[in-house]
Amino acid sequence: MKILRAESRATKSAPASNFTGTVFSDEVLKVTPPSRMRGSVVTFTPGGRTNWHTHPVGQTLYCLTGIGRIQKEGEQVQALYPGDTVVIPPGVRHWHGAAPDRIFSHLAMSEDGPNGESTAWFEPVSDADYKAEPVA
């Protein structure tokens, strides 16, 4: 058994190349072979969001606080609330982040692919997509 103390891991600013707005990440679990699992608590300030992206083995989000948004390419924006769990299949283009007027945090969990491939990042989400009225 191994205990990873919180004070040994600093909060990081998410890179502007993959995110819009101010976004912070607290690593919870990093890939340690033979496991390919990684996990982070990601906190989005109002308006903060990811770029469009995919995951080779999918992604699971567990919503912690605030109100968020998520969109699968080609579908409507969905609202996210504390306690919601989102299971995103492998290779599905999507984005997620905070509502325009709320902070939002989730636990993001994903696995690297069998050959070490990780998240594939694409273009930023347009303001029109982001500001679309979410469905419940």
Protein backbone atom coordinates (compact mmCIF):
# COMPACT_ATOMS: atom_id res chain seq x y z
CA MET A 1 0.00 0.00 0.00
CA LYS A 2 1.15 3.52 -0.76
CA ILE A 3 -0.25 6.81 0.54
CA LEU A 4 0.25 9.78 -1.74
CA ARG A 5 0.12 12.85 0.50
CA ALA A 6 -1.73 15.86 -0.84
CA GLU A 7 1.07 18.26 0.12
CA SER A 8 3.45 16.42 -2.24
CA ARG A 9 1.41 17.46 -5.31
CA ALA A 10 0.92 21.12 -6.18
CA THR A 11 -2.13 22.49 -7.99
CA LYS A 12 -1.24 23.16 -11.63
CA SER A 13 -2.70 25.63 -14.10
CA ALA A 14 -4.11 23.79 -17.09
CA PRO A 15 -2.27 24.65 -20.33
CA ALA A 16 -3.79 27.39 -22.48
CA SER A 17 -3.10 25.21 -25.53
CA ASN A 18 -5.86 22.80 -24.43
CA PHE A 19 -8.21 24.97 -22.33
CA THR A 20 -10.11 28.25 -22.54
CA GLY A 21 -10.20 30.43 -19.42
CA THR A 22 -8.64 29.73 -16.05
CA VAL A 23 -8.58 26.04 -15.18
CA PHE A 24 -6.70 24.24 -12.38
CA SER A 25 -5.76 20.58 -12.05
CA ASP A 26 -4.91 18.54 -8.96
CA GLU A 27 -3.40 15.20 -9.92
CA VAL A 28 -4.92 12.37 -7.90
CA LEU A 29 -3.45 9.41 -9.72
CA LYS A 30 -0.81 9.20 -12.43
CA VAL A 31 -0.09 6.29 -14.70
CA THR A 32 2.00 3.72 -12.85
CA PRO A 33 2.49 0.50 -14.87
CA PRO A 34 1.03 -2.01 -15.09
CA SER A 35 -1.99 0.28 -14.54
CA ARG A 36 -2.78 2.80 -17.29
CA MET A 37 -5.23 4.77 -15.12
CA ARG A 38 -4.90 8.50 -14.44
CA GLY A 39 -7.13 10.82 -12.46
CA SER A 40 -7.29 14.52 -11.63
CA VAL A 41 -9.65 16.89 -9.90
CA VAL A 42 -10.14 19.67 -12.43
CA THR A 43 -11.58 23.02 -11.36
CA PHE A 44 -12.93 25.38 -14.00
CA THR A 45 -13.59 29.04 -13.21
CA PRO A 46 -16.74 30.54 -14.78
CA GLY A 47 -16.47 30.20 -18.57
CA GLY A 48 -13.50 27.81 -18.33
CA ARG A 49 -13.61 24.74 -20.55
CA THR A 50 -11.55 22.15 -22.37
CA ASN A 51 -10.87 22.17 -26.08
CA TRP A 52 -12.53 19.44 -28.12
CA HIS A 53 -10.74 16.18 -27.35
CA THR A 54 -10.92 12.37 -27.33
CA HIS A 55 -9.59 9.58 -25.12
CA PRO A 56 -8.34 6.25 -26.52
CA VAL A 57 -10.03 4.17 -23.80
CA GLY A 58 -12.80 6.65 -22.90
CA GLN A 59 -13.19 8.89 -19.87
CA THR A 60 -15.33 9.00 -16.76
CA LEU A 61 -16.19 12.28 -15.02
CA TYR A 62 -17.59 12.45 -11.50
CA CYS A 63 -19.00 15.91 -10.83
CA LEU A 64 -18.05 17.35 -7.44
CA THR A 65 -19.16 20.98 -7.09
CA GLY A 66 -20.77 23.81 -9.02
CA ILE A 67 -22.57 23.63 -12.35
CA GLY A 68 -20.86 22.41 -15.49
CA ARG A 69 -21.48 21.70 -19.14
CA ILE A 70 -20.54 18.92 -21.50
CA GLN A 71 -21.13 18.31 -25.17
CA LYS A 72 -20.58 15.31 -27.40
CA GLU A 73 -19.90 16.40 -30.97
CA GLY A 74 -23.15 16.54 -32.94
CA GLU A 75 -25.37 16.60 -29.84
CA GLN A 76 -26.80 19.31 -27.57
CA VAL A 77 -24.90 20.79 -24.63
CA GLN A 78 -25.84 19.07 -21.36
CA ALA A 79 -25.83 20.62 -17.86
CA LEU A 80 -23.82 18.84 -15.14
CA TYR A 81 -24.52 18.90 -11.40
CA PRO A 82 -22.78 17.59 -8.25
CA GLY A 83 -23.11 13.82 -8.01
CA ASP A 84 -23.56 13.31 -11.78
CA THR A 85 -21.33 10.72 -13.45
CA VAL A 86 -20.57 10.93 -17.18
CA VAL A 87 -19.18 7.91 -19.06
CA ILE A 88 -17.62 8.96 -22.37
CA PRO A 89 -16.85 6.13 -24.80
CA PRO A 90 -13.45 5.70 -26.48
CA GLY A 91 -12.71 8.06 -29.36
CA VAL A 92 -15.75 10.33 -28.84
CA ARG A 93 -15.06 14.03 -29.51
CA HIS A 94 -16.34 16.10 -26.62
CA TRP A 95 -15.64 19.05 -24.32
CA HIS A 96 -16.54 19.91 -20.73
CA GLY A 97 -16.23 22.85 -18.38
CA ALA A 98 -17.99 25.33 -16.12
CA ALA A 99 -21.22 27.20 -16.74
CA PRO A 100 -20.66 30.88 -17.68
CA ASP A 101 -21.48 32.09 -14.16
CA ARG A 102 -20.37 29.20 -11.92
CA ILE A 103 -17.22 27.44 -10.76
CA PHE A 104 -17.25 23.71 -11.52
CA SER A 105 -15.05 20.81 -10.36
CA HIS A 106 -14.99 17.20 -11.43
CA LEU A 107 -12.86 14.13 -10.93
CA ALA A 108 -11.64 13.12 -14.40
CA MET A 109 -10.54 9.51 -14.86
CA SER A 110 -9.11 7.94 -18.00
CA GLU A 111 -6.65 5.30 -19.12
CA ASP A 112 -3.83 5.55 -21.56
CA GLY A 113 -4.19 3.29 -24.59
CA PRO A 114 -2.30 -0.02 -24.83
CA ASN A 115 0.57 1.68 -26.69
CA GLY A 116 0.83 4.62 -24.28
CA GLU A 117 -1.40 6.98 -26.27
CA SER A 118 -3.26 9.55 -24.20
CA THR A 119 -5.72 12.40 -24.76
CA ALA A 120 -5.90 13.74 -28.32
CA TRP A 121 -6.49 17.50 -28.24
CA PHE A 122 -8.20 19.50 -30.98
CA GLU A 123 -9.48 23.05 -31.56
CA PRO A 124 -11.04 25.32 -28.91
CA VAL A 125 -14.80 25.18 -28.43
CA SER A 126 -16.48 28.10 -30.19
CA ASP A 127 -18.35 30.65 -28.10
CA ALA A 128 -21.51 29.70 -30.04
CA ASP A 129 -21.20 26.03 -29.01
CA TYR A 130 -20.28 26.94 -25.44
CA LYS A 131 -23.11 29.45 -24.97
CA ALA A 132 -25.82 27.18 -26.38
CA GLU A 133 -28.65 26.67 -23.89
CA PRO A 134 -28.00 23.33 -22.16
CA VAL A 135 -30.64 20.66 -21.78
CA ALA A 136 -31.21 19.40 -18.24
